Protein backbone atom coordinates (compact mmCIF):
# COMPACT_ATOMS: atom_id res chain seq x y z
CA MET A 1 -26.16 4.46 -11.14
CA LYS A 2 -23.22 5.13 -13.04
CA LEU A 3 -19.33 5.78 -11.51
CA ARG A 4 -18.63 8.96 -11.37
CA ARG A 5 -16.73 11.46 -9.29
CA THR A 6 -18.18 14.06 -6.91
CA LEU A 7 -17.44 17.23 -6.68
CA VAL A 8 -17.19 17.06 -2.71
CA SER A 9 -14.84 13.93 -2.98
CA VAL A 10 -12.69 15.76 -5.67
CA ALA A 11 -12.27 18.95 -3.94
CA ALA A 12 -10.94 17.30 -1.02
CA VAL A 13 -8.48 15.62 -3.37
CA LEU A 14 -7.49 18.75 -4.99
CA LEU A 15 -7.07 20.33 -1.64
CA LEU A 16 -5.04 17.46 0.36
CA ALA A 17 -2.68 17.48 -2.87
CA THR A 18 -2.70 21.43 -3.57
CA SER A 19 -1.89 22.01 0.52
CA GLY A 20 0.96 19.16 0.37
CA THR A 21 2.69 20.37 -3.05
CA ALA A 22 2.70 23.87 -1.13
CA ALA A 23 4.49 22.59 2.12
CA TYR A 24 6.96 20.86 0.06
CA ALA A 25 7.30 23.93 -2.37
CA ALA A 26 7.68 26.39 0.88
CA THR A 27 10.97 24.05 2.17
CA ARG A 28 12.97 24.14 -1.41
CA ASP A 29 16.38 24.70 -1.12
CA HIS A 30 18.52 25.74 -4.07
CA GLY A 31 21.83 25.50 -1.93
CA GLY A 32 22.12 29.30 -1.92
CA THR A 33 25.53 29.16 -4.33
CA GLY A 34 23.67 30.20 -7.64
CA GLY A 35 24.24 28.67 -10.91
CA THR A 36 24.80 24.91 -10.66
CA GLY A 37 26.01 24.74 -7.05
CA GLY A 38 24.25 23.30 -4.09
CA ILE A 39 21.42 20.93 -4.10
CA ARG A 40 18.09 21.66 -6.05
CA SER A 41 15.96 19.61 -4.45
CA VAL A 42 15.12 16.91 -2.10
CA THR A 43 12.31 14.17 -3.58
CA PRO A 44 11.36 11.02 -1.12
CA ILE A 45 10.17 8.04 -2.93
CA THR A 46 7.82 5.55 -1.04
CA THR A 47 7.64 2.03 -1.33
CA VAL A 48 4.74 -0.10 0.42
CA TYR A 49 6.19 -2.96 1.91
CA THR A 50 4.53 -5.82 4.24
CA TYR A 51 3.63 -3.85 7.15
CA GLY A 52 2.85 -0.88 5.27
CA GLN A 53 4.49 2.00 3.19
CA LYS A 54 8.02 3.83 4.26
CA VAL A 55 10.53 5.81 2.47
CA SER A 56 12.88 3.97 0.73
CA ALA A 57 14.74 5.90 -0.86
CA VAL A 58 15.37 9.71 -1.63
CA ALA A 59 16.47 11.44 -5.04
CA ILE A 60 19.14 14.31 -4.75
CA GLU A 61 19.25 16.76 -7.71
CA TYR A 62 21.94 19.03 -8.73
CA GLY A 63 22.51 21.47 -11.28
CA ALA A 64 24.03 19.32 -13.83
CA THR A 65 25.45 15.48 -14.43
CA VAL A 66 26.84 13.92 -11.37
CA ASN A 67 30.23 11.88 -11.32
CA PRO A 68 29.05 8.48 -9.85
CA HIS A 69 32.63 7.11 -9.53
CA GLN A 70 32.85 10.03 -6.65
CA LEU A 71 29.73 8.67 -5.12
CA ASP A 72 29.33 5.92 -2.32
CA ASN A 73 27.30 5.32 0.59
CA SER A 74 28.90 7.44 3.22
CA THR A 75 28.42 10.42 0.86
CA PHE A 76 24.91 11.18 2.39
CA SER A 77 23.41 10.61 5.40
CA VAL A 78 19.36 10.35 5.97
CA SER A 79 17.56 10.64 9.03
CA ASP A 80 13.35 9.93 9.34
CA THR A 81 10.81 9.39 11.92
CA SER A 82 10.85 6.36 13.88
CA TYR A 83 7.22 6.33 14.42
CA ASN A 84 4.97 3.55 13.99
CA PHE A 85 1.21 4.36 14.47
CA ARG A 86 0.79 0.81 15.15
CA PHE A 87 2.89 1.27 18.30
CA ASN A 88 3.89 4.61 18.86
CA PRO A 89 2.10 8.02 20.22
CA ILE A 90 1.87 10.60 17.68
CA GLU A 91 3.65 12.52 19.47
CA ASP A 92 6.83 10.49 18.81
CA LEU A 93 6.58 11.70 14.50
CA PRO A 94 9.16 14.24 15.15
CA LYS A 95 11.67 11.52 16.82
CA LEU A 96 14.37 10.99 13.80
CA THR A 97 16.84 8.19 13.96
CA ASP A 98 19.58 7.64 11.18
CA ARG A 99 18.63 5.46 8.02
CA LYS A 100 20.87 2.66 7.00
CA ILE A 101 21.80 3.68 3.49
CA THR A 102 22.41 0.23 1.18
CA HIS A 103 22.96 1.53 -2.27
CA THR A 104 23.78 5.03 -3.83
CA TYR A 105 24.04 5.75 -7.54
CA THR A 106 22.87 8.14 -10.67
CA ASN A 107 19.68 8.64 -12.57
CA SER A 108 18.21 10.47 -15.17
CA SER A 109 14.84 10.95 -12.92
CA ALA A 110 13.72 11.41 -9.36
CA THR A 111 12.92 7.77 -9.16
CA THR A 112 14.88 4.06 -8.21
CA ARG A 113 16.33 1.58 -10.65
CA ALA A 114 15.70 -1.78 -10.43
CA ASP A 115 19.33 -2.63 -11.38
CA ARG A 116 21.00 -0.23 -9.34
CA ARG A 117 23.17 0.93 -11.92
CA SER A 118 24.43 4.66 -12.29
CA VAL A 119 23.06 6.17 -15.92
CA PRO A 120 23.96 9.92 -16.17
CA GLY A 121 21.73 12.28 -14.76
CA ARG A 122 21.38 14.86 -12.41
CA TYR A 123 19.80 12.95 -9.76
CA VAL A 124 21.62 10.92 -7.08
CA ILE A 125 19.41 8.20 -5.50
CA VAL A 126 20.28 6.85 -2.30
CA GLU A 127 18.22 3.95 -1.40
CA LEU A 128 17.86 2.96 2.16
CA ASP A 129 17.34 -0.35 4.13
CA PRO A 130 13.49 -2.09 3.78
CA ASP A 131 13.97 -3.82 6.91
CA GLN A 132 14.68 -1.00 9.27
CA ASN A 133 11.98 -0.14 11.27
CA ALA A 134 11.38 4.00 10.41
CA GLY A 135 10.68 6.07 7.79
CA TRP A 136 7.01 5.08 7.66
CA THR A 137 4.24 7.20 6.22
CA VAL A 138 1.19 6.27 7.73
CA ILE A 139 0.29 8.35 10.58
CA VAL A 140 -3.17 8.93 12.91
CA SER A 141 -5.66 10.90 11.29
CA LYS A 142 -8.60 11.40 13.55
CA CYS A 143 -9.95 9.63 16.65
CA PRO A 144 -13.67 10.18 16.86
CA THR A 145 -13.91 7.30 19.16
CA PHE A 146 -11.84 5.19 21.30
CA LEU A 147 -10.84 4.08 17.29
CA CYS A 148 -8.76 6.24 15.23
CA THR A 149 -8.47 6.80 11.70
CA VAL A 150 -4.62 6.90 9.81
CA LYS A 151 -3.72 8.61 6.81
CA VAL A 152 -0.81 9.40 4.45
CA ASN A 153 1.40 12.01 5.95
CA THR A 154 1.93 15.04 3.72
CA ASP A 155 4.64 16.61 5.01
CA LEU A 156 6.94 13.86 5.52
CA PRO A 157 10.05 14.62 8.09
CA THR A 158 12.44 12.87 6.38
CA ARG A 159 15.79 14.78 6.34
CA VAL A 160 19.06 14.62 3.80
CA THR A 161 22.91 15.56 5.28
CA GLN A 162 25.56 15.66 1.93
CA ARG A 163 28.86 14.73 4.39
CA LYS A 164 31.33 14.74 1.10
CA ASP A 165 31.43 16.96 -2.22
CA VAL A 166 29.52 15.63 -5.00
CA HIS A 167 31.28 16.41 -8.43
CA ALA A 168 30.24 16.56 -11.83
CA GLN A 169 31.26 14.74 -14.79
CA PRO A 170 34.52 15.62 -15.80
CA GLY A 171 35.53 16.76 -19.32
CA LYS A 172 33.57 17.31 -21.79
CA GLY A 173 30.67 14.90 -24.34
CA LYS A 174 28.67 12.42 -22.59
CA GLY A 175 30.76 12.10 -19.29
CA LYS A 176 34.25 10.30 -20.80
CA GLY A 177 36.59 12.88 -19.24
CA LYS A 178 38.86 11.17 -16.27
CA GLY A 179 39.26 13.01 -12.99
CA LYS A 180 36.74 13.94 -10.29
CA GLY A 181 35.41 16.73 -12.15
CA PRO A 182 34.33 20.16 -10.83
CA VAL A 183 32.55 20.48 -7.52
CA LEU A 184 28.48 20.69 -7.75
CA ALA A 185 28.15 20.79 -3.86
CA LYS A 186 30.46 21.38 -1.03
CA ALA A 187 30.06 18.78 1.83
CA THR A 188 27.88 20.28 4.48
CA PRO A 189 28.02 17.88 7.25
CA LYS A 190 26.33 20.13 10.11
CA THR A 191 23.32 21.14 7.58
CA SER A 192 20.64 18.95 6.74
CA ARG A 193 17.94 19.44 4.30
CA GLY A 194 14.20 18.81 4.47
CA VAL A 195 12.15 17.29 1.25
CA THR A 196 11.22 19.86 -1.17
CA GLU A 197 9.22 17.68 -3.62
CA PRO A 198 5.89 15.91 -3.68
CA PRO A 199 7.08 12.06 -2.84
CA VAL A 200 6.81 9.62 -5.61
CA ASN A 201 4.68 6.40 -4.60
CA LEU A 202 5.95 3.24 -6.14
CA LEU A 203 3.38 1.49 -7.20
CA VAL A 204 0.35 3.79 -5.45
CA ASP A 205 0.86 6.56 -7.77
CA GLU A 206 -0.05 3.93 -10.32
CA PHE A 207 -3.87 3.75 -9.01
CA ARG A 208 -6.32 5.55 -10.24
CA TYR A 209 -8.92 7.74 -7.77
CA GLY A 210 -12.55 7.03 -8.22
CA SER A 211 -15.91 7.89 -6.31
CA TYR A 212 -19.56 5.84 -6.10
CA LEU A 213 -22.91 7.65 -5.08
CA ASN A 214 -25.86 5.85 -4.42
CA GLY A 215 -28.59 6.80 -1.99
CA GLY A 216 -27.11 9.75 -0.75
CA MET A 217 -23.60 7.87 0.59
CA VAL A 218 -20.10 8.14 -1.37
CA LEU A 219 -18.03 5.18 -1.24
CA PRO A 220 -14.39 6.69 -2.31
CA TYR A 221 -12.34 4.36 -4.11
CA HIS A 222 -9.33 3.50 -5.99
CA TYR A 223 -8.34 0.77 -8.54
CA HIS A 224 -5.36 -0.27 -10.67
CA LEU A 225 -5.89 -1.97 -14.43
CA PRO A 226 -3.16 -3.96 -15.87
CA LYS A 227 -0.74 -2.05 -17.50
CA ASN A 228 -1.44 -3.36 -21.37
CA TYR A 229 -5.15 -3.05 -20.32
CA GLN A 230 -7.57 -4.07 -23.18
CA PRO A 231 -11.35 -3.95 -22.77
CA GLY A 232 -11.66 -6.78 -25.03
CA LYS A 233 -10.31 -9.13 -22.49
CA LYS A 234 -11.80 -10.24 -19.50
CA TYR A 235 -9.63 -10.02 -16.10
CA PRO A 236 -10.18 -11.25 -12.88
CA LEU A 237 -11.41 -8.61 -10.14
CA MET A 238 -9.74 -8.34 -6.48
CA VAL A 239 -11.76 -6.28 -4.19
CA VAL A 240 -9.40 -5.26 -1.53
CA LEU A 241 -11.51 -4.54 1.87
CA PRO A 242 -9.21 -3.25 4.73
CA GLY A 243 -8.79 -2.75 8.28
CA HIS A 244 -11.27 0.02 10.54
CA GLY A 245 -8.87 2.56 10.49
CA MET A 246 -8.30 2.94 6.52
CA GLY A 247 -11.94 3.85 6.03
CA TRP A 248 -12.43 7.30 4.74
CA ASP A 249 -12.52 9.81 7.30
CA GLY A 250 -12.77 13.05 4.87
CA ASP A 251 -9.50 13.45 5.12
CA ASN A 252 -7.48 10.52 4.67
CA THR A 253 -8.16 9.64 1.18
CA GLY A 254 -6.00 6.55 -0.52
CA VAL A 255 -4.67 5.55 2.46
CA GLN A 256 -6.09 2.03 2.18
CA ILE A 257 -3.81 1.54 -0.27
CA ALA A 258 -0.72 2.46 1.51
CA ALA A 259 -1.13 1.36 4.79
CA ASP A 260 -0.51 -1.99 4.23
CA ILE A 261 0.77 -4.75 1.15
CA PRO A 262 -3.10 -6.25 0.28
CA ALA A 263 -3.78 -3.83 -2.69
CA THR A 264 -0.57 -3.57 -4.01
CA ALA A 265 0.67 -7.03 -3.56
CA TRP A 266 -1.58 -8.43 -6.91
CA LEU A 267 0.35 -5.83 -8.90
CA GLN A 268 3.90 -7.90 -8.03
CA PRO A 269 4.40 -11.48 -9.48
CA ASN A 270 7.15 -11.76 -6.95
CA VAL A 271 4.49 -11.42 -4.23
CA THR A 272 1.63 -13.42 -5.82
CA GLY A 273 3.98 -15.92 -7.29
CA SER A 274 1.54 -15.49 -10.81
CA ARG A 275 2.15 -13.00 -13.96
CA GLU A 276 -1.99 -12.87 -14.54
CA ASP A 277 -2.91 -9.50 -15.10
CA VAL A 278 -5.21 -8.32 -12.16
CA ILE A 279 -7.61 -5.80 -11.88
CA VAL A 280 -7.41 -4.46 -8.03
CA LEU A 281 -10.38 -2.57 -6.50
CA ALA A 282 -9.99 -0.72 -2.92
CA PRO A 283 -13.13 0.57 -1.80
CA GLN A 284 -12.94 2.99 0.93
CA ASN A 285 -16.29 2.60 2.68
CA GLN A 286 -17.10 5.25 5.41
CA ARG A 287 -17.68 3.34 8.71
CA VAL A 288 -21.46 3.24 9.14
CA GLY A 289 -21.98 0.10 10.03
CA ASP A 290 -21.16 -3.24 8.15
CA VAL A 291 -24.64 -3.73 6.62
CA ALA A 292 -24.97 -0.55 4.95
CA GLU A 293 -21.12 -0.56 4.13
CA ALA A 294 -22.23 -4.20 2.29
CA ASP A 295 -24.64 -3.21 0.13
CA LEU A 296 -22.95 -0.18 -0.92
CA LEU A 297 -20.13 -2.24 -2.16
CA VAL A 298 -22.06 -4.62 -3.73
CA LYS A 299 -23.80 -2.10 -5.71
CA LEU A 300 -20.15 -0.61 -6.43
CA ILE A 301 -18.44 -3.89 -7.67
CA ASP A 302 -21.88 -4.55 -9.83
CA GLN A 303 -20.93 -1.24 -11.89
CA PHE A 304 -17.72 -1.44 -11.89
CA SER A 305 -17.73 -5.08 -13.74
CA LYS A 306 -19.97 -3.21 -16.16
CA ASP A 307 -17.49 -0.25 -16.87
CA HIS A 308 -14.25 -2.39 -16.72
CA ALA A 309 -13.08 -5.92 -18.26
CA VAL A 310 -14.03 -7.90 -15.34
CA ASP A 311 -14.21 -11.61 -15.51
CA THR A 312 -17.35 -11.81 -13.82
CA ASP A 313 -17.12 -15.69 -12.68
CA ARG A 314 -13.75 -14.65 -10.82
CA VAL A 315 -14.53 -11.52 -9.02
CA TYR A 316 -12.20 -11.97 -4.98
CA ALA A 317 -12.11 -10.57 -1.91
CA THR A 318 -9.41 -10.28 0.40
CA THR A 319 -9.70 -8.21 3.61
CA VAL A 320 -7.85 -7.22 6.72
CA SER A 321 -9.29 -6.82 10.27
CA TYR A 322 -12.64 -4.96 9.86
CA GLY A 323 -12.88 -5.65 6.47
CA SER A 324 -14.09 -9.33 7.22
CA ARG A 325 -17.32 -7.73 8.33
CA LEU A 326 -18.12 -6.41 4.96
CA LEU A 327 -16.90 -9.74 3.37
CA TRP A 328 -19.45 -11.96 5.71
CA GLU A 329 -22.35 -9.37 4.96
CA ALA A 330 -21.51 -8.77 1.21
CA PHE A 331 -21.06 -13.09 0.70
CA ALA A 332 -24.18 -13.79 2.42
CA LYS A 333 -26.16 -10.92 0.74
CA ARG A 334 -24.72 -11.70 -3.14
CA PRO A 335 -23.21 -14.84 -2.72
CA GLY A 336 -23.70 -15.78 -6.43
CA LEU A 337 -21.27 -12.67 -7.07
CA PHE A 338 -18.01 -13.98 -5.41
CA ALA A 339 -15.73 -16.61 -6.61
CA GLY A 340 -13.54 -16.74 -3.70
CA GLY A 341 -12.38 -15.09 -0.20
CA LEU A 342 -9.46 -14.32 1.70
CA VAL A 343 -9.95 -13.58 5.38
CA THR A 344 -7.02 -12.00 7.43
CA GLY A 345 -6.85 -11.63 11.36
CA GLY A 346 -10.79 -11.21 10.67
CA PHE A 347 -14.23 -11.10 13.00
CA GLN A 348 -16.61 -13.96 13.32
CA VAL A 349 -19.01 -14.73 10.87
CA SER A 350 -22.74 -15.26 12.10
CA ALA A 351 -24.65 -18.46 11.91
CA ALA A 352 -26.77 -16.86 8.81
CA GLN A 353 -23.64 -15.90 6.65
CA ALA A 354 -22.44 -19.52 7.21
CA THR A 355 -25.42 -21.04 6.12
CA ALA A 356 -25.22 -18.86 3.21
CA ILE A 357 -22.19 -19.25 2.33
CA ALA A 358 -22.06 -22.94 2.53
CA ALA A 359 -25.19 -22.88 0.39
CA ALA A 360 -23.33 -21.04 -2.29
CA GLU A 361 -20.10 -22.86 -1.75
CA ILE A 362 -17.77 -20.12 -2.13
CA PRO A 363 -14.26 -21.24 -1.50
CA LEU A 364 -12.51 -19.38 1.59
CA TRP A 365 -9.23 -19.31 3.21
CA ILE A 366 -8.85 -18.10 6.56
CA THR A 367 -5.87 -16.75 8.69
CA HIS A 368 -5.27 -15.69 11.89
CA GLY A 369 -2.73 -14.93 14.34
CA VAL A 370 -2.82 -17.53 17.44
CA ASN A 371 -1.79 -14.12 19.98
CA ASP A 372 -3.54 -11.37 18.15
CA HIS A 373 -4.48 -8.99 20.80
CA LEU A 374 -7.15 -7.25 19.07
CA LEU A 375 -9.55 -10.27 17.54
CA ASN A 376 -9.12 -13.34 19.54
CA ILE A 377 -8.27 -16.40 17.78
CA SER A 378 -11.25 -17.67 19.10
CA LEU A 379 -13.09 -15.73 16.44
CA ALA A 380 -11.38 -17.27 13.72
CA ARG A 381 -11.88 -20.70 15.59
CA ASN A 382 -15.69 -20.02 15.97
CA THR A 383 -15.73 -19.50 12.05
CA HIS A 384 -13.58 -21.77 10.84
CA THR A 385 -15.98 -24.21 12.84
CA ALA A 386 -19.66 -22.33 11.79
CA LEU A 387 -18.59 -23.01 8.08
CA ARG A 388 -17.52 -26.53 8.59
CA SER A 389 -20.74 -27.81 10.22
CA ALA A 390 -22.84 -25.35 7.66
CA TYR A 391 -21.38 -28.20 4.66
CA GLU A 392 -21.51 -31.05 7.40
CA ALA A 393 -25.50 -29.98 7.00
CA ARG A 394 -25.51 -30.13 4.00
CA GLY A 395 -23.92 -33.41 3.59
CA LYS A 396 -20.40 -32.49 2.14
CA THR A 397 -18.01 -34.80 2.69
CA PRO A 398 -14.46 -33.98 4.76
CA GLU A 399 -12.77 -34.11 1.74
CA GLN A 400 -15.07 -31.71 0.18
CA ILE A 401 -14.66 -29.17 2.94
CA ALA A 402 -11.41 -29.35 2.83
CA ASP A 403 -11.35 -28.09 -0.98
CA LEU A 404 -13.98 -25.20 -0.08
CA LEU A 405 -12.78 -23.85 3.22
CA ARG A 406 -9.26 -24.22 4.60
CA TYR A 407 -7.47 -22.56 7.52
CA THR A 408 -4.04 -21.36 8.95
CA GLU A 409 -2.54 -20.56 12.29
CA TYR A 410 0.31 -17.98 12.50
CA GLY A 411 2.47 -18.13 15.59
CA ASN A 412 4.34 -14.90 16.77
CA ASP A 413 7.60 -16.46 14.95
CA ALA A 414 5.61 -15.70 11.86
CA PHE A 415 5.72 -11.69 12.14
CA THR A 416 8.41 -9.99 10.94
CA LEU A 417 6.97 -6.81 12.65
CA PRO A 418 5.39 -7.97 16.12
CA ASP A 419 1.60 -6.65 15.21
CA TYR A 420 0.21 -10.26 15.78
CA HIS A 421 -3.51 -8.66 14.41
CA ALA A 422 -1.77 -8.53 11.36
CA ALA A 423 -2.22 -11.64 9.88
CA TYR A 424 -2.17 -10.42 6.23
CA GLY A 425 1.81 -10.00 6.88
CA PRO A 426 2.84 -13.85 6.75
CA THR A 427 -0.70 -14.73 4.35
CA TYR A 428 0.82 -12.42 1.82
CA ALA A 429 4.54 -14.09 2.26
CA ASP A 430 2.81 -17.41 1.41
CA GLN A 431 2.31 -17.35 -2.64
CA GLY A 432 0.55 -20.85 -2.22
CA ILE A 433 -2.56 -18.74 -0.52
CA LEU A 434 -2.35 -16.30 -3.23
CA ARG A 435 -2.28 -18.60 -5.92
CA TRP A 436 -4.54 -20.68 -4.40
CA LEU A 437 -7.02 -17.81 -4.53
CA LEU A 438 -6.80 -16.92 -8.25
CA THR A 439 -7.27 -20.65 -8.87
CA GLN A 440 -10.97 -20.04 -8.26
CA ASP A 441 -13.67 -19.95 -10.66
CA ARG A 442 -17.51 -19.80 -10.60
CA GLY A 443 -17.41 -21.02 -14.54
């Protein structure tokens, strides 16, 4: 069965994209002054941090090139939601808080610059404090049972206020004139503007969408190929298995990339500590039971590996919470498919699964929060014990077991956000763990 886009899935994605664009277009504000005056557009820019995606900057567009020398961090203020789906009820979504502004500069397009230096352009980029607990984009989607799913908000509540006059470049010819320059937009300290454009999602927008259909079941997924992808090469494949709430519910396509860092991490050498190119595959299984989901997952990986330049000796799986159930089942079902695994805040392995994993000698690193409030630390400890016992039953020495099975517990002080179930937080802050996974090879 070849990979293909299904009409149902594509229609859902197009509907989501169209409705979001329409919502932004409806709020477009040209300042009401005509000509080149006023704010032309406000574009949110998002980044996926350790614990998920948030608005990390806004791009404010004017009708002419802006004079950067008349800008500072007090020219604008930005407010955004204080809602975080992990801690707050959805009713808190409209509650806004002031964002701390860290950098203000001009650019020629609606995106950030790594050097944060002004270049001639009509956009003012206002960067926001990444450590502030505000501006999160992931919200509750549906709660069909006591467990809810989440999605990326298509109607971001971010608002911008221009508190000082904004000036155009003075003089003529490549901005070489002196002085403040003509006023492009007068200060409107009592008026805030909402976003008018769809967001620019850093890294997330680089993922491609696909879906796999087998036996009447659809498995949506996103994937990322290296920038200079060459079909004649072979690349390691990182399969990212998200938590329960990131499973596909028909209305939350793509949230598994944005909800936390494991998918985008492998695109960032500063996170992984490795400059090796990696193909990332992020499936979004419907939550119908781990056996059926794992069966579909394995078939997807097989077909994806045929259709792309995957090094089949270096297929890895990394999990968050519920994703561990798919990993245990997939490892037991097809142990020869995987070169290694990383389990964060996961469920307990069964005795049969532990036996199959030990027989295949699949390297594993397991991490868990000591005070995990959703999955007790005993699950990780029992898993570690079961796997170690399975290796001992096969006559492995303690040294051999230590090479194949690694285990880390995190105290509360290891978490930068007090969600002690999110063991991927401290895990993905440890380049040693991520580099270890990439060194595993079945060849």
